[in-house]
Amino acid sequence: MAMDGKARSAKAAQKRIEFDEKELRHRCRLGTRQMLDELMAWNDIKEISEAVQNLIRNAHALGPTLSYQAMESPRHKVKISETVARMFRNESLAELRRDPGDQSFFPETRKG
């Protein structure tokens, strides 16, 4: 005899408890989703959960050293140009001249 919906749900809930399953929810922007879609297409994977599990397992299999490359987040490098640094310095000095606060000295400006 086939199980009804309640019995199937109860059995599934019991398996989730037995295997200590945790539901992971994650939101991502379009670019990240497009990359995941490409990975799934390249590897003929239809389910997002399967793709994510495979990515986690494969990154873990690389070990602590190599997995760093797979897990590394691209970070933007901030480089302040000389022009911007000079403008910031000049504006800071001008502000100190306008309102020196409780300081008892004025910063010297260099000529040239």
PDB file of N, CA and C in Angstrom:
ATOM      1  N   MET A   1       0.834  -1.179   0.000  1.00  0.00           N
ATOM      2  CA  MET A   1       0.000   0.000   0.000  1.00  0.00           C
ATOM      3  C   MET A   1       0.881   1.245   0.000  1.00  0.00           C
ATOM      4  N   ALA A   2       0.527   2.206  -0.813  1.00  0.00           N
ATOM      5  CA  ALA A   2       1.307   3.438  -0.933  1.00  0.00           C
ATOM      6  C   ALA A   2       1.097   4.323   0.296  1.00  0.00           C
ATOM      7  N   MET A   3       2.159   5.075   0.617  1.00  0.00           N
ATOM      8  CA  MET A   3       2.069   5.988   1.762  1.00  0.00           C
ATOM      9  C   MET A   3       1.312   7.239   1.351  1.00  0.00           C
ATOM     10  N   ASP A   4       0.593   7.814   2.299  1.00  0.00           N
ATOM     11  CA  ASP A   4      -0.077   9.074   2.011  1.00  0.00           C
ATOM     12  C   ASP A   4       0.918  10.220   2.248  1.00  0.00           C
ATOM     13  N   GLY A   5       0.514  11.444   1.944  1.00  0.00           N
ATOM     14  CA  GLY A   5       1.382  12.620   2.046  1.00  0.00           C
ATOM     15  C   GLY A   5       1.950  12.841   3.436  1.00  0.00           C
ATOM     16  N   LYS A   6       1.108  12.647   4.457  1.00  0.00           N
ATOM     17  CA  LYS A   6       1.569  12.849   5.836  1.00  0.00           C
ATOM     18  C   LYS A   6       2.655  11.848   6.208  1.00  0.00           C
ATOM     19  N   ALA A   7       2.482  10.609   5.805  1.00  0.00           N
ATOM     20  CA  ALA A   7       3.460   9.570   6.132  1.00  0.00           C
ATOM     21  C   ALA A   7       4.789   9.850   5.426  1.00  0.00           C
ATOM     22  N   ARG A   8       4.703  10.267   4.150  1.00  0.00           N
ATOM     23  CA  ARG A   8       5.934  10.601   3.414  1.00  0.00           C
ATOM     24  C   ARG A   8       6.651  11.776   4.062  1.00  0.00           C
ATOM     25  N   SER A   9       5.903  12.803   4.454  1.00  0.00           N
ATOM     26  CA  SER A   9       6.487  13.970   5.110  1.00  0.00           C
ATOM     27  C   SER A   9       7.142  13.592   6.435  1.00  0.00           C
ATOM     28  N   ALA A  10       6.474  12.754   7.193  1.00  0.00           N
ATOM     29  CA  ALA A  10       7.023  12.315   8.480  1.00  0.00           C
ATOM     30  C   ALA A  10       8.299  11.513   8.272  1.00  0.00           C
ATOM     31  N   LYS A  11       8.302  10.635   7.260  1.00  0.00           N
ATOM     32  CA  LYS A  11       9.489   9.832   6.977  1.00  0.00           C
ATOM     33  C   LYS A  11      10.649  10.728   6.539  1.00  0.00           C
ATOM     34  N   ALA A  12      10.366  11.713   5.689  1.00  0.00           N
ATOM     35  CA  ALA A  12      11.400  12.642   5.228  1.00  0.00           C
ATOM     36  C   ALA A  12      11.939  13.467   6.397  1.00  0.00           C
ATOM     37  N   ALA A  13      11.049  13.916   7.280  1.00  0.00           N
ATOM     38  CA  ALA A  13      11.472  14.689   8.448  1.00  0.00           C
ATOM     39  C   ALA A  13      12.364  13.841   9.352  1.00  0.00           C
ATOM     40  N   GLN A  14      12.018  12.576   9.513  1.00  0.00           N
ATOM     41  CA  GLN A  14      12.822  11.676  10.349  1.00  0.00           C
ATOM     42  C   GLN A  14      14.208  11.481   9.741  1.00  0.00           C
ATOM     43  N   LYS A  15      14.304  11.356   8.421  1.00  0.00           N
ATOM     44  CA  LYS A  15      15.597  11.201   7.757  1.00  0.00           C
ATOM     45  C   LYS A  15      16.448  12.460   7.923  1.00  0.00           C
ATOM     46  N   ARG A  16      15.816  13.634   7.834  1.00  0.00           N
ATOM     47  CA  ARG A  16      16.558  14.890   8.018  1.00  0.00           C
ATOM     48  C   ARG A  16      17.162  14.954   9.416  1.00  0.00           C
ATOM     49  N   ILE A  17      16.421  14.500  10.400  1.00  0.00           N
ATOM     50  CA  ILE A  17      16.925  14.479  11.782  1.00  0.00           C
ATOM     51  C   ILE A  17      18.044  13.441  11.908  1.00  0.00           C
ATOM     52  N   GLU A  18      17.806  12.271  11.344  1.00  0.00           N
ATOM     53  CA  GLU A  18      18.768  11.177  11.440  1.00  0.00           C
ATOM     54  C   GLU A  18      20.114  11.542  10.819  1.00  0.00           C
ATOM     55  N   PHE A  19      20.090  12.215   9.682  1.00  0.00           N
ATOM     56  CA  PHE A  19      21.320  12.570   8.974  1.00  0.00           C
ATOM     57  C   PHE A  19      21.809  13.981   9.298  1.00  0.00           C
ATOM     58  N   ASP A  20      21.178  14.625  10.273  1.00  0.00           N
ATOM     59  CA  ASP A  20      21.561  15.973  10.719  1.00  0.00           C
ATOM     60  C   ASP A  20      21.626  16.949   9.540  1.00  0.00           C
ATOM     61  N   GLU A  21      20.601  16.899   8.698  1.00  0.00           N
ATOM     62  CA  GLU A  21      20.541  17.804   7.552  1.00  0.00           C
ATOM     63  C   GLU A  21      20.229  19.217   8.006  1.00  0.00           C
ATOM     64  N   LYS A  22      20.898  20.165   7.377  1.00  0.00           N
ATOM     65  CA  LYS A  22      20.629  21.581   7.622  1.00  0.00           C
ATOM     66  C   LYS A  22      20.316  22.241   6.289  1.00  0.00           C
ATOM     67  N   GLU A  23      19.296  23.041   6.284  1.00  0.00           N
ATOM     68  CA  GLU A  23      18.942  23.765   5.067  1.00  0.00           C
ATOM     69  C   GLU A  23      19.793  25.019   4.984  1.00  0.00           C
ATOM     70  N   LEU A  24      20.454  25.192   3.863  1.00  0.00           N
ATOM     71  CA  LEU A  24      21.265  26.376   3.628  1.00  0.00           C
ATOM     72  C   LEU A  24      20.520  27.282   2.660  1.00  0.00           C
ATOM     73  N   ARG A  25      20.382  28.516   3.030  1.00  0.00           N
ATOM     74  CA  ARG A  25      19.758  29.489   2.135  1.00  0.00           C
ATOM     75  C   ARG A  25      20.787  30.546   1.811  1.00  0.00           C
ATOM     76  N   HIS A  26      20.814  30.927   0.559  1.00  0.00           N
ATOM     77  CA  HIS A  26      21.823  31.888   0.136  1.00  0.00           C
ATOM     78  C   HIS A  26      21.258  32.749  -0.989  1.00  0.00           C
ATOM     79  N   ARG A  27      21.415  34.038  -0.854  1.00  0.00           N
ATOM     80  CA  ARG A  27      21.021  34.951  -1.927  1.00  0.00           C
ATOM     81  C   ARG A  27      22.277  35.397  -2.657  1.00  0.00           C
ATOM     82  N   CYS A  28      22.179  35.515  -3.958  1.00  0.00           N
ATOM     83  CA  CYS A  28      23.332  36.002  -4.714  1.00  0.00           C
ATOM     84  C   CYS A  28      22.843  36.884  -5.855  1.00  0.00           C
ATOM     85  N   ARG A  29      23.716  37.736  -6.292  1.00  0.00           N
ATOM     86  CA  ARG A  29      23.384  38.664  -7.371  1.00  0.00           C
ATOM     87  C   ARG A  29      23.501  37.972  -8.722  1.00  0.00           C
ATOM     88  N   LEU A  30      23.046  38.683  -9.722  1.00  0.00           N
ATOM     89  CA  LEU A  30      22.939  38.123 -11.070  1.00  0.00           C
ATOM     90  C   LEU A  30      24.264  37.550 -11.576  1.00  0.00           C
ATOM     91  N   GLY A  31      25.362  38.266 -11.416  1.00  0.00           N
ATOM     92  CA  GLY A  31      26.652  37.798 -11.926  1.00  0.00           C
ATOM     93  C   GLY A  31      27.061  36.473 -11.320  1.00  0.00           C
ATOM     94  N   THR A  32      26.871  36.333 -10.018  1.00  0.00           N
ATOM     95  CA  THR A  32      27.215  35.087  -9.338  1.00  0.00           C
ATOM     96  C   THR A  32      26.303  33.970  -9.799  1.00  0.00           C
ATOM     97  N   ARG A  33      25.034  34.279  -9.952  1.00  0.00           N
ATOM     98  CA  ARG A  33      24.083  33.261 -10.427  1.00  0.00           C
ATOM     99  C   ARG A  33      24.423  32.813 -11.841  1.00  0.00           C
ATOM    100  N   GLN A  34      24.845  33.748 -12.686  1.00  0.00           N
ATOM    101  CA  GLN A  34      25.226  33.383 -14.053  1.00  0.00           C
ATOM    102  C   GLN A  34      26.444  32.460 -14.055  1.00  0.00           C
ATOM    103  N   MET A  35      27.397  32.727 -13.151  1.00  0.00           N
ATOM    104  CA  MET A  35      28.571  31.849 -13.059  1.00  0.00           C
ATOM    105  C   MET A  35      28.160  30.441 -12.614  1.00  0.00           C
ATOM    106  N   LEU A  36      27.245  30.376 -11.632  1.00  0.00           N
ATOM    107  CA  LEU A  36      26.760  29.071 -11.182  1.00  0.00           C
ATOM    108  C   LEU A  36      26.033  28.355 -12.314  1.00  0.00           C
ATOM    109  N   ASP A  37      25.207  29.088 -13.062  1.00  0.00           N
ATOM    110  CA  ASP A  37      24.504  28.491 -14.205  1.00  0.00           C
ATOM    111  C   ASP A  37      25.483  27.931 -15.228  1.00  0.00           C
ATOM    112  N   GLU A  38      26.585  28.661 -15.479  1.00  0.00           N
ATOM    113  CA  GLU A  38      27.591  28.177 -16.425  1.00  0.00           C
ATOM    114  C   GLU A  38      28.263  26.914 -15.898  1.00  0.00           C
ATOM    115  N   LEU A  39      28.641  26.928 -14.617  1.00  0.00           N
ATOM    116  CA  LEU A  39      29.248  25.732 -14.023  1.00  0.00           C
ATOM    117  C   LEU A  39      28.317  24.531 -14.145  1.00  0.00           C
ATOM    118  N   MET A  40      27.048  24.755 -13.887  1.00  0.00           N
ATOM    119  CA  MET A  40      26.079  23.674 -13.972  1.00  0.00           C
ATOM    120  C   MET A  40      25.948  23.178 -15.409  1.00  0.00           C
ATOM    121  N   ALA A  41      25.933  24.078 -16.370  1.00  0.00           N
ATOM    122  CA  ALA A  41      25.825  23.687 -17.781  1.00  0.00           C
ATOM    123  C   ALA A  41      27.068  22.920 -18.222  1.00  0.00           C
ATOM    124  N   TRP A  42      28.253  23.400 -17.856  1.00  0.00           N
ATOM    125  CA  TRP A  42      29.497  22.733 -18.238  1.00  0.00           C
ATOM    126  C   TRP A  42      29.554  21.300 -17.721  1.00  0.00           C
ATOM    127  N   ASN A  43      28.952  21.080 -16.567  1.00  0.00           N
ATOM    128  CA  ASN A  43      29.042  19.777 -15.918  1.00  0.00           C
ATOM    129  C   ASN A  43      27.739  18.989 -15.969  1.00  0.00           C
ATOM    130  N   ASP A  44      26.782  19.465 -16.756  1.00  0.00           N
ATOM    131  CA  ASP A  44      25.491  18.801 -16.936  1.00  0.00           C
ATOM    132  C   ASP A  44      24.814  18.509 -15.594  1.00  0.00           C
ATOM    133  N   ILE A  45      24.752  19.536 -14.751  1.00  0.00           N
ATOM    134  CA  ILE A  45      24.097  19.432 -13.450  1.00  0.00           C
ATOM    135  C   ILE A  45      22.799  20.222 -13.528  1.00  0.00           C
ATOM    136  N   LYS A  46      21.716  19.610 -13.088  1.00  0.00           N
ATOM    137  CA  LYS A  46      20.398  20.245 -13.187  1.00  0.00           C
ATOM    138  C   LYS A  46      19.954  20.921 -11.887  1.00  0.00           C
ATOM    139  N   GLU A  47      20.412  20.420 -10.748  1.00  0.00           N
ATOM    140  CA  GLU A  47      19.965  20.922  -9.452  1.00  0.00           C
ATOM    141  C   GLU A  47      21.028  21.811  -8.814  1.00  0.00           C
ATOM    142  N   ILE A  48      20.608  22.974  -8.330  1.00  0.00           N
ATOM    143  CA  ILE A  48      21.531  23.898  -7.672  1.00  0.00           C
ATOM    144  C   ILE A  48      22.152  23.242  -6.441  1.00  0.00           C
ATOM    145  N   SER A  49      21.347  22.532  -5.677  1.00  0.00           N
ATOM    146  CA  SER A  49      21.870  21.903  -4.454  1.00  0.00           C
ATOM    147  C   SER A  49      22.989  20.911  -4.777  1.00  0.00           C
ATOM    148  N   GLU A  50      22.849  20.173  -5.877  1.00  0.00           N
ATOM    149  CA  GLU A  50      23.901  19.228  -6.274  1.00  0.00           C
ATOM    150  C   GLU A  50      25.175  19.977  -6.646  1.00  0.00           C
ATOM    151  N   ALA A  51      25.023  21.089  -7.370  1.00  0.00           N
ATOM    152  CA  ALA A  51      26.186  21.887  -7.771  1.00  0.00           C
ATOM    153  C   ALA A  51      26.910  22.441  -6.546  1.00  0.00           C
ATOM    154  N   VAL A  52      26.162  22.974  -5.606  1.00  0.00           N
ATOM    155  CA  VAL A  52      26.768  23.546  -4.403  1.00  0.00           C
ATOM    156  C   VAL A  52      27.464  22.460  -3.584  1.00  0.00           C
ATOM    157  N   GLN A  53      26.830  21.304  -3.430  1.00  0.00           N
ATOM    158  CA  GLN A  53      27.458  20.203  -2.700  1.00  0.00           C
ATOM    159  C   GLN A  53      28.751  19.764  -3.379  1.00  0.00           C
ATOM    160  N   ASN A  54      28.724  19.658  -4.709  1.00  0.00           N
ATOM    161  CA  ASN A  54      29.928  19.263  -5.443  1.00  0.00           C
ATOM    162  C   ASN A  54      31.037  20.293  -5.278  1.00  0.00           C
ATOM    163  N   LEU A  55      30.692  21.572  -5.330  1.00  0.00           N
ATOM    164  CA  LEU A  55      31.694  22.618  -5.154  1.00  0.00           C
ATOM    165  C   LEU A  55      32.324  22.533  -3.770  1.00  0.00           C
ATOM    166  N   ILE A  56      31.512  22.331  -2.753  1.00  0.00           N
ATOM    167  CA  ILE A  56      32.025  22.228  -1.381  1.00  0.00           C
ATOM    168  C   ILE A  56      32.935  21.003  -1.249  1.00  0.00           C
ATOM    169  N   ARG A  57      32.474  19.867  -1.738  1.00  0.00           N
ATOM    170  CA  ARG A  57      33.255  18.638  -1.607  1.00  0.00           C
ATOM    171  C   ARG A  57      34.565  18.726  -2.377  1.00  0.00           C
ATOM    172  N   ASN A  58      34.516  19.264  -3.587  1.00  0.00           N
ATOM    173  CA  ASN A  58      35.736  19.357  -4.396  1.00  0.00           C
ATOM    174  C   ASN A  58      36.724  20.361  -3.812  1.00  0.00           C
ATOM    175  N   ALA A  59      36.230  21.478  -3.299  1.00  0.00           N
ATOM    176  CA  ALA A  59      37.128  22.447  -2.652  1.00  0.00           C
ATOM    177  C   ALA A  59      37.751  21.817  -1.410  1.00  0.00           C
ATOM    178  N   HIS A  60      36.956  21.088  -0.650  1.00  0.00           N
ATOM    179  CA  HIS A  60      37.479  20.434   0.559  1.00  0.00           C
ATOM    180  C   HIS A  60      38.513  19.376   0.199  1.00  0.00           C
ATOM    181  N   ALA A  61      38.299  18.650  -0.888  1.00  0.00           N
ATOM    182  CA  ALA A  61      39.231  17.606  -1.311  1.00  0.00           C
ATOM    183  C   ALA A  61      40.591  18.178  -1.703  1.00  0.00           C
ATOM    184  N   LEU A  62      40.633  19.451  -2.054  1.00  0.00           N
ATOM    185  CA  LEU A  62      41.905  20.087  -2.413  1.00  0.00           C
ATOM    186  C   LEU A  62      42.820  20.266  -1.204  1.00  0.00           C
ATOM    187  N   GLY A  63      42.247  20.229  -0.013  1.00  0.00           N
ATOM    188  CA  GLY A  63      43.048  20.388   1.197  1.00  0.00           C
ATOM    189  C   GLY A  63      43.189  21.852   1.585  1.00  0.00           C
ATOM    190  N   PRO A  64      43.827  22.093   2.732  1.00  0.00           N
ATOM    191  CA  PRO A  64      43.885  23.457   3.262  1.00  0.00           C
ATOM    192  C   PRO A  64      44.669  24.433   2.393  1.00  0.00           C
ATOM    193  N   THR A  65      45.687  23.955   1.696  1.00  0.00           N
ATOM    194  CA  THR A  65      46.503  24.875   0.903  1.00  0.00           C
ATOM    195  C   THR A  65      45.847  25.234  -0.421  1.00  0.00           C
ATOM    196  N   LEU A  66      45.475  24.229  -1.187  1.00  0.00           N
ATOM    197  CA  LEU A  66      44.900  24.486  -2.509  1.00  0.00           C
ATOM    198  C   LEU A  66      43.464  24.992  -2.442  1.00  0.00           C
ATOM    199  N   SER A  67      42.726  24.607  -1.402  1.00  0.00           N
ATOM    200  CA  SER A  67      41.341  25.067  -1.312  1.00  0.00           C
ATOM    201  C   SER A  67      41.285  26.579  -1.137  1.00  0.00           C
ATOM    202  N   TYR A  68      42.362  27.151  -0.610  1.00  0.00           N
ATOM    203  CA  TYR A  68      42.416  28.603  -0.445  1.00  0.00           C
ATOM    204  C   TYR A  68      42.214  29.292  -1.795  1.00  0.00           C
ATOM    205  N   GLN A  69      42.823  28.749  -2.837  1.00  0.00           N
ATOM    206  CA  GLN A  69      42.675  29.336  -4.169  1.00  0.00           C
ATOM    207  C   GLN A  69      41.238  29.229  -4.665  1.00  0.00           C
ATOM    208  N   ALA A  70      40.588  28.107  -4.378  1.00  0.00           N
ATOM    209  CA  ALA A  70      39.212  27.915  -4.813  1.00  0.00           C
ATOM    210  C   ALA A  70      38.243  28.785  -4.012  1.00  0.00           C
ATOM    211  N   MET A  71      38.563  29.026  -2.749  1.00  0.00           N
ATOM    212  CA  MET A  71      37.652  29.754  -1.863  1.00  0.00           C
ATOM    213  C   MET A  71      37.967  31.249  -1.767  1.00  0.00           C
ATOM    214  N   GLU A  72      39.095  31.657  -2.304  1.00  0.00           N
ATOM    215  CA  GLU A  72      39.527  33.047  -2.172  1.00  0.00           C
ATOM    216  C   GLU A  72      38.514  33.999  -2.806  1.00  0.00           C
ATOM    217  N   SER A  73      38.192  35.033  -2.090  1.00  0.00           N
ATOM    218  CA  SER A  73      37.276  36.044  -2.615  1.00  0.00           C
ATOM    219  C   SER A  73      38.075  37.121  -3.325  1.00  0.00           C
ATOM    220  N   PRO A  74      37.651  37.479  -4.528  1.00  0.00           N
ATOM    221  CA  PRO A  74      38.369  38.564  -5.205  1.00  0.00           C
ATOM    222  C   PRO A  74      38.147  39.875  -4.452  1.00  0.00           C
ATOM    223  N   ARG A  75      39.216  40.536  -4.131  1.00  0.00           N
ATOM    224  CA  ARG A  75      39.142  41.806  -3.411  1.00  0.00           C
ATOM    225  C   ARG A  75      39.673  42.916  -4.305  1.00  0.00           C
ATOM    226  N   HIS A  76      39.042  44.047  -4.176  1.00  0.00           N
ATOM    227  CA  HIS A  76      39.511  45.203  -4.920  1.00  0.00           C
ATOM    228  C   HIS A  76      40.692  45.811  -4.193  1.00  0.00           C
ATOM    229  N   LYS A  77      41.719  46.129  -4.921  1.00  0.00           N
ATOM    230  CA  LYS A  77      42.882  46.789  -4.356  1.00  0.00           C
ATOM    231  C   LYS A  77      42.665  48.299  -4.484  1.00  0.00           C
ATOM    232  N   VAL A  78      42.830  48.996  -3.382  1.00  0.00           N
ATOM    233  CA  VAL A  78      42.664  50.448  -3.393  1.00  0.00           C
ATOM    234  C   VAL A  78      44.040  51.072  -3.450  1.00  0.00           C
ATOM    235  N   LYS A  79      44.278  51.849  -4.487  1.00  0.00           N
ATOM    236  CA  LYS A  79      45.548  52.547  -4.639  1.00  0.00           C
ATOM    237  C   LYS A  79      45.230  54.020  -4.786  1.00  0.00           C
ATOM    238  N   ILE A  80      45.757  54.806  -3.878  1.00  0.00           N
ATOM    239  CA  ILE A  80      45.514  56.244  -3.905  1.00  0.00           C
ATOM    240  C   ILE A  80      46.635  56.882  -4.709  1.00  0.00           C
ATOM    241  N   SER A  81      46.243  57.591  -5.758  1.00  0.00           N
ATOM    242  CA  SER A  81      47.236  58.222  -6.620  1.00  0.00           C
ATOM    243  C   SER A  81      47.870  59.418  -5.906  1.00  0.00           C
ATOM    244  N   GLU A  82      49.021  59.836  -6.412  1.00  0.00           N
ATOM    245  CA  GLU A  82      49.701  60.995  -5.832  1.00  0.00           C
ATOM    246  C   GLU A  82      48.825  62.242  -5.924  1.00  0.00           C
ATOM    247  N   THR A  83      48.108  62.376  -7.025  1.00  0.00           N
ATOM    248  CA  THR A  83      47.245  63.539  -7.206  1.00  0.00           C
ATOM    249  C   THR A  83      46.155  63.589  -6.143  1.00  0.00           C
ATOM    250  N   VAL A  84      45.520  62.473  -5.900  1.00  0.00           N
ATOM    251  CA  VAL A  84      44.454  62.417  -4.894  1.00  0.00           C
ATOM    252  C   VAL A  84      45.036  62.655  -3.504  1.00  0.00           C
ATOM    253  N   ALA A  85      46.180  62.048  -3.213  1.00  0.00           N
ATOM    254  CA  ALA A  85      46.821  62.248  -1.907  1.00  0.00           C
ATOM    255  C   ALA A  85      47.167  63.711  -1.702  1.00  0.00           C
ATOM    256  N   ARG A  86      47.688  64.360  -2.741  1.00  0.00           N
ATOM    257  CA  ARG A  86      48.034  65.783  -2.658  1.00  0.00           C
ATOM    258  C   ARG A  86      46.785  66.630  -2.426  1.00  0.00           C
ATOM    259  N   MET A  87      45.717  66.330  -3.161  1.00  0.00           N
ATOM    260  CA  MET A  87      44.464  67.078  -2.982  1.00  0.00           C
ATOM    261  C   MET A  87      43.930  66.906  -1.569  1.00  0.00           C
ATOM    262  N   PHE A  88      43.975  65.682  -1.050  1.00  0.00           N
ATOM    263  CA  PHE A  88      43.499  65.410   0.310  1.00  0.00           C
ATOM    264  C   PHE A  88      44.326  66.188   1.326  1.00  0.00           C
ATOM    265  N   ARG A  89      45.634  66.160   1.163  1.00  0.00           N
ATOM    266  CA  ARG A  89      46.527  66.885   2.077  1.00  0.00           C
ATOM    267  C   ARG A  89      46.228  68.368   2.043  1.00  0.00           C
ATOM    268  N   ASN A  90      46.103  68.938   0.843  1.00  0.00           N
ATOM    269  CA  ASN A  90      45.840  70.377   0.719  1.00  0.00           C
ATOM    270  C   ASN A  90      44.500  70.761   1.335  1.00  0.00           C
ATOM    271  N   GLU A  91      43.481  69.938   1.093  1.00  0.00           N
ATOM    272  CA  GLU A  91      42.166  70.221   1.683  1.00  0.00           C
ATOM    273  C   GLU A  91      42.207  70.097   3.204  1.00  0.00           C
ATOM    274  N   SER A  92      42.949  69.109   3.702  1.00  0.00           N
ATOM    275  CA  SER A  92      43.073  68.942   5.155  1.00  0.00           C
ATOM    276  C   SER A  92      43.766  70.142   5.787  1.00  0.00           C
ATOM    277  N   LEU A  93      44.836  70.597   5.161  1.00  0.00           N
ATOM    278  CA  LEU A  93      45.546  71.773   5.681  1.00  0.00           C
ATOM    279  C   LEU A  93      44.667  73.013   5.625  1.00  0.00           C
ATOM    280  N   ALA A  94      43.919  73.175   4.533  1.00  0.00           N
ATOM    281  CA  ALA A  94      43.026  74.334   4.414  1.00  0.00           C
ATOM    282  C   ALA A  94      41.958  74.295   5.498  1.00  0.00           C
ATOM    283  N   GLU A  95      41.425  73.125   5.780  1.00  0.00           N
ATOM    284  CA  GLU A  95      40.413  72.997   6.832  1.00  0.00           C
ATOM    285  C   GLU A  95      41.005  73.321   8.197  1.00  0.00           C
ATOM    286  N   LEU A  96      42.221  72.880   8.451  1.00  0.00           N
ATOM    287  CA  LEU A  96      42.879  73.194   9.726  1.00  0.00           C
ATOM    288  C   LEU A  96      43.129  74.703   9.871  1.00  0.00           C
ATOM    289  N   ARG A  97      43.409  75.352   8.742  1.00  0.00           N
ATOM    290  CA  ARG A  97      43.595  76.814   8.801  1.00  0.00           C
ATOM    291  C   ARG A  97      42.280  77.518   9.112  1.00  0.00           C
ATOM    292  N   ARG A  98      41.190  77.013   8.510  1.00  0.00           N
ATOM    293  CA  ARG A  98      39.877  77.623   8.744  1.00  0.00           C
ATOM    294  C   ARG A  98      39.404  77.405  10.172  1.00  0.00           C
ATOM    295  N   ASP A  99      39.601  76.200  10.681  1.00  0.00           N
ATOM    296  CA  ASP A  99      39.134  75.869  12.035  1.00  0.00           C
ATOM    297  C   ASP A  99      40.192  75.000  12.708  1.00  0.00           C
ATOM    298  N   PRO A 100      41.144  75.638  13.393  1.00  0.00           N
ATOM    299  CA  PRO A 100      42.231  74.865  13.985  1.00  0.00           C
ATOM    300  C   PRO A 100      41.808  74.049  15.191  1.00  0.00           C
ATOM    301  N   GLY A 101      40.592  74.244  15.686  1.00  0.00           N
ATOM    302  CA  GLY A 101      40.136  73.488  16.844  1.00  0.00           C
ATOM    303  C   GLY A 101      40.918  73.884  18.075  1.00  0.00           C
ATOM    304  N   ASP A 102      41.301  72.919  18.883  1.00  0.00           N
ATOM    305  CA  ASP A 102      42.024  73.233  20.115  1.00  0.00           C
ATOM    306  C   ASP A 102      43.527  73.086  19.941  1.00  0.00           C
ATOM    307  N   GLN A 103      43.985  73.025  18.708  1.00  0.00           N
ATOM    308  CA  GLN A 103      45.415  72.904  18.477  1.00  0.00           C
ATOM    309  C   GLN A 103      46.089  74.250  18.693  1.00  0.00           C
ATOM    310  N   SER A 104      47.314  74.235  19.142  1.00  0.00           N
ATOM    311  CA  SER A 104      48.038  75.468  19.401  1.00  0.00           C
ATOM    312  C   SER A 104      49.079  75.750  18.339  1.00  0.00           C
ATOM    313  N   PHE A 105      49.042  75.007  17.235  1.00  0.00           N
ATOM    314  CA  PHE A 105      50.011  75.251  16.175  1.00  0.00           C
ATOM    315  C   PHE A 105      49.308  75.116  14.830  1.00  0.00           C
ATOM    316  N   PHE A 106      49.895  75.735  13.826  1.00  0.00           N
ATOM    317  CA  PHE A 106      49.394  75.638  12.470  1.00  0.00           C
ATOM    318  C   PHE A 106      50.357  74.785  11.662  1.00  0.00           C
ATOM    319  N   PRO A 107      49.855  73.870  10.887  1.00  0.00           N
ATOM    320  CA  PRO A 107      50.757  73.055  10.051  1.00  0.00           C
ATOM    321  C   PRO A 107      51.498  73.925   9.066  1.00  0.00           C
ATOM    322  N   GLU A 108      52.740  73.576   8.871  1.00  0.00           N
ATOM    323  CA  GLU A 108      53.547  74.319   7.906  1.00  0.00           C
ATOM    324  C   GLU A 108      53.224  73.805   6.513  1.00  0.00           C
ATOM    325  N   THR A 109      53.231  74.717   5.560  1.00  0.00           N
ATOM    326  CA  THR A 109      53.055  74.299   4.168  1.00  0.00           C
ATOM    327  C   THR A 109      54.373  74.413   3.475  1.00  0.00           C
ATOM    328  N   ARG A 110      54.625  73.465   2.606  1.00  0.00           N
ATOM    329  CA  ARG A 110      55.872  73.486   1.863  1.00  0.00           C
ATOM    330  C   ARG A 110      55.629  74.203   0.550  1.00  0.00           C
ATOM    331  N   LYS A 111      56.568  74.953   0.133  1.00  0.00           N
ATOM    332  CA  LYS A 111      56.509  75.640  -1.165  1.00  0.00           C
ATOM    333  C   LYS A 111      57.148  74.733  -2.206  1.00  0.00           C
ATOM    334  N   GLY A 112      56.541  74.749  -3.399  1.00  0.00           N
ATOM    335  CA  GLY A 112      57.189  74.062  -4.501  1.00  0.00           C
ATOM    336  C   GLY A 112      56.605  72.789  -4.750  1.00  0.00           C
TER     337      GLY A 112
END
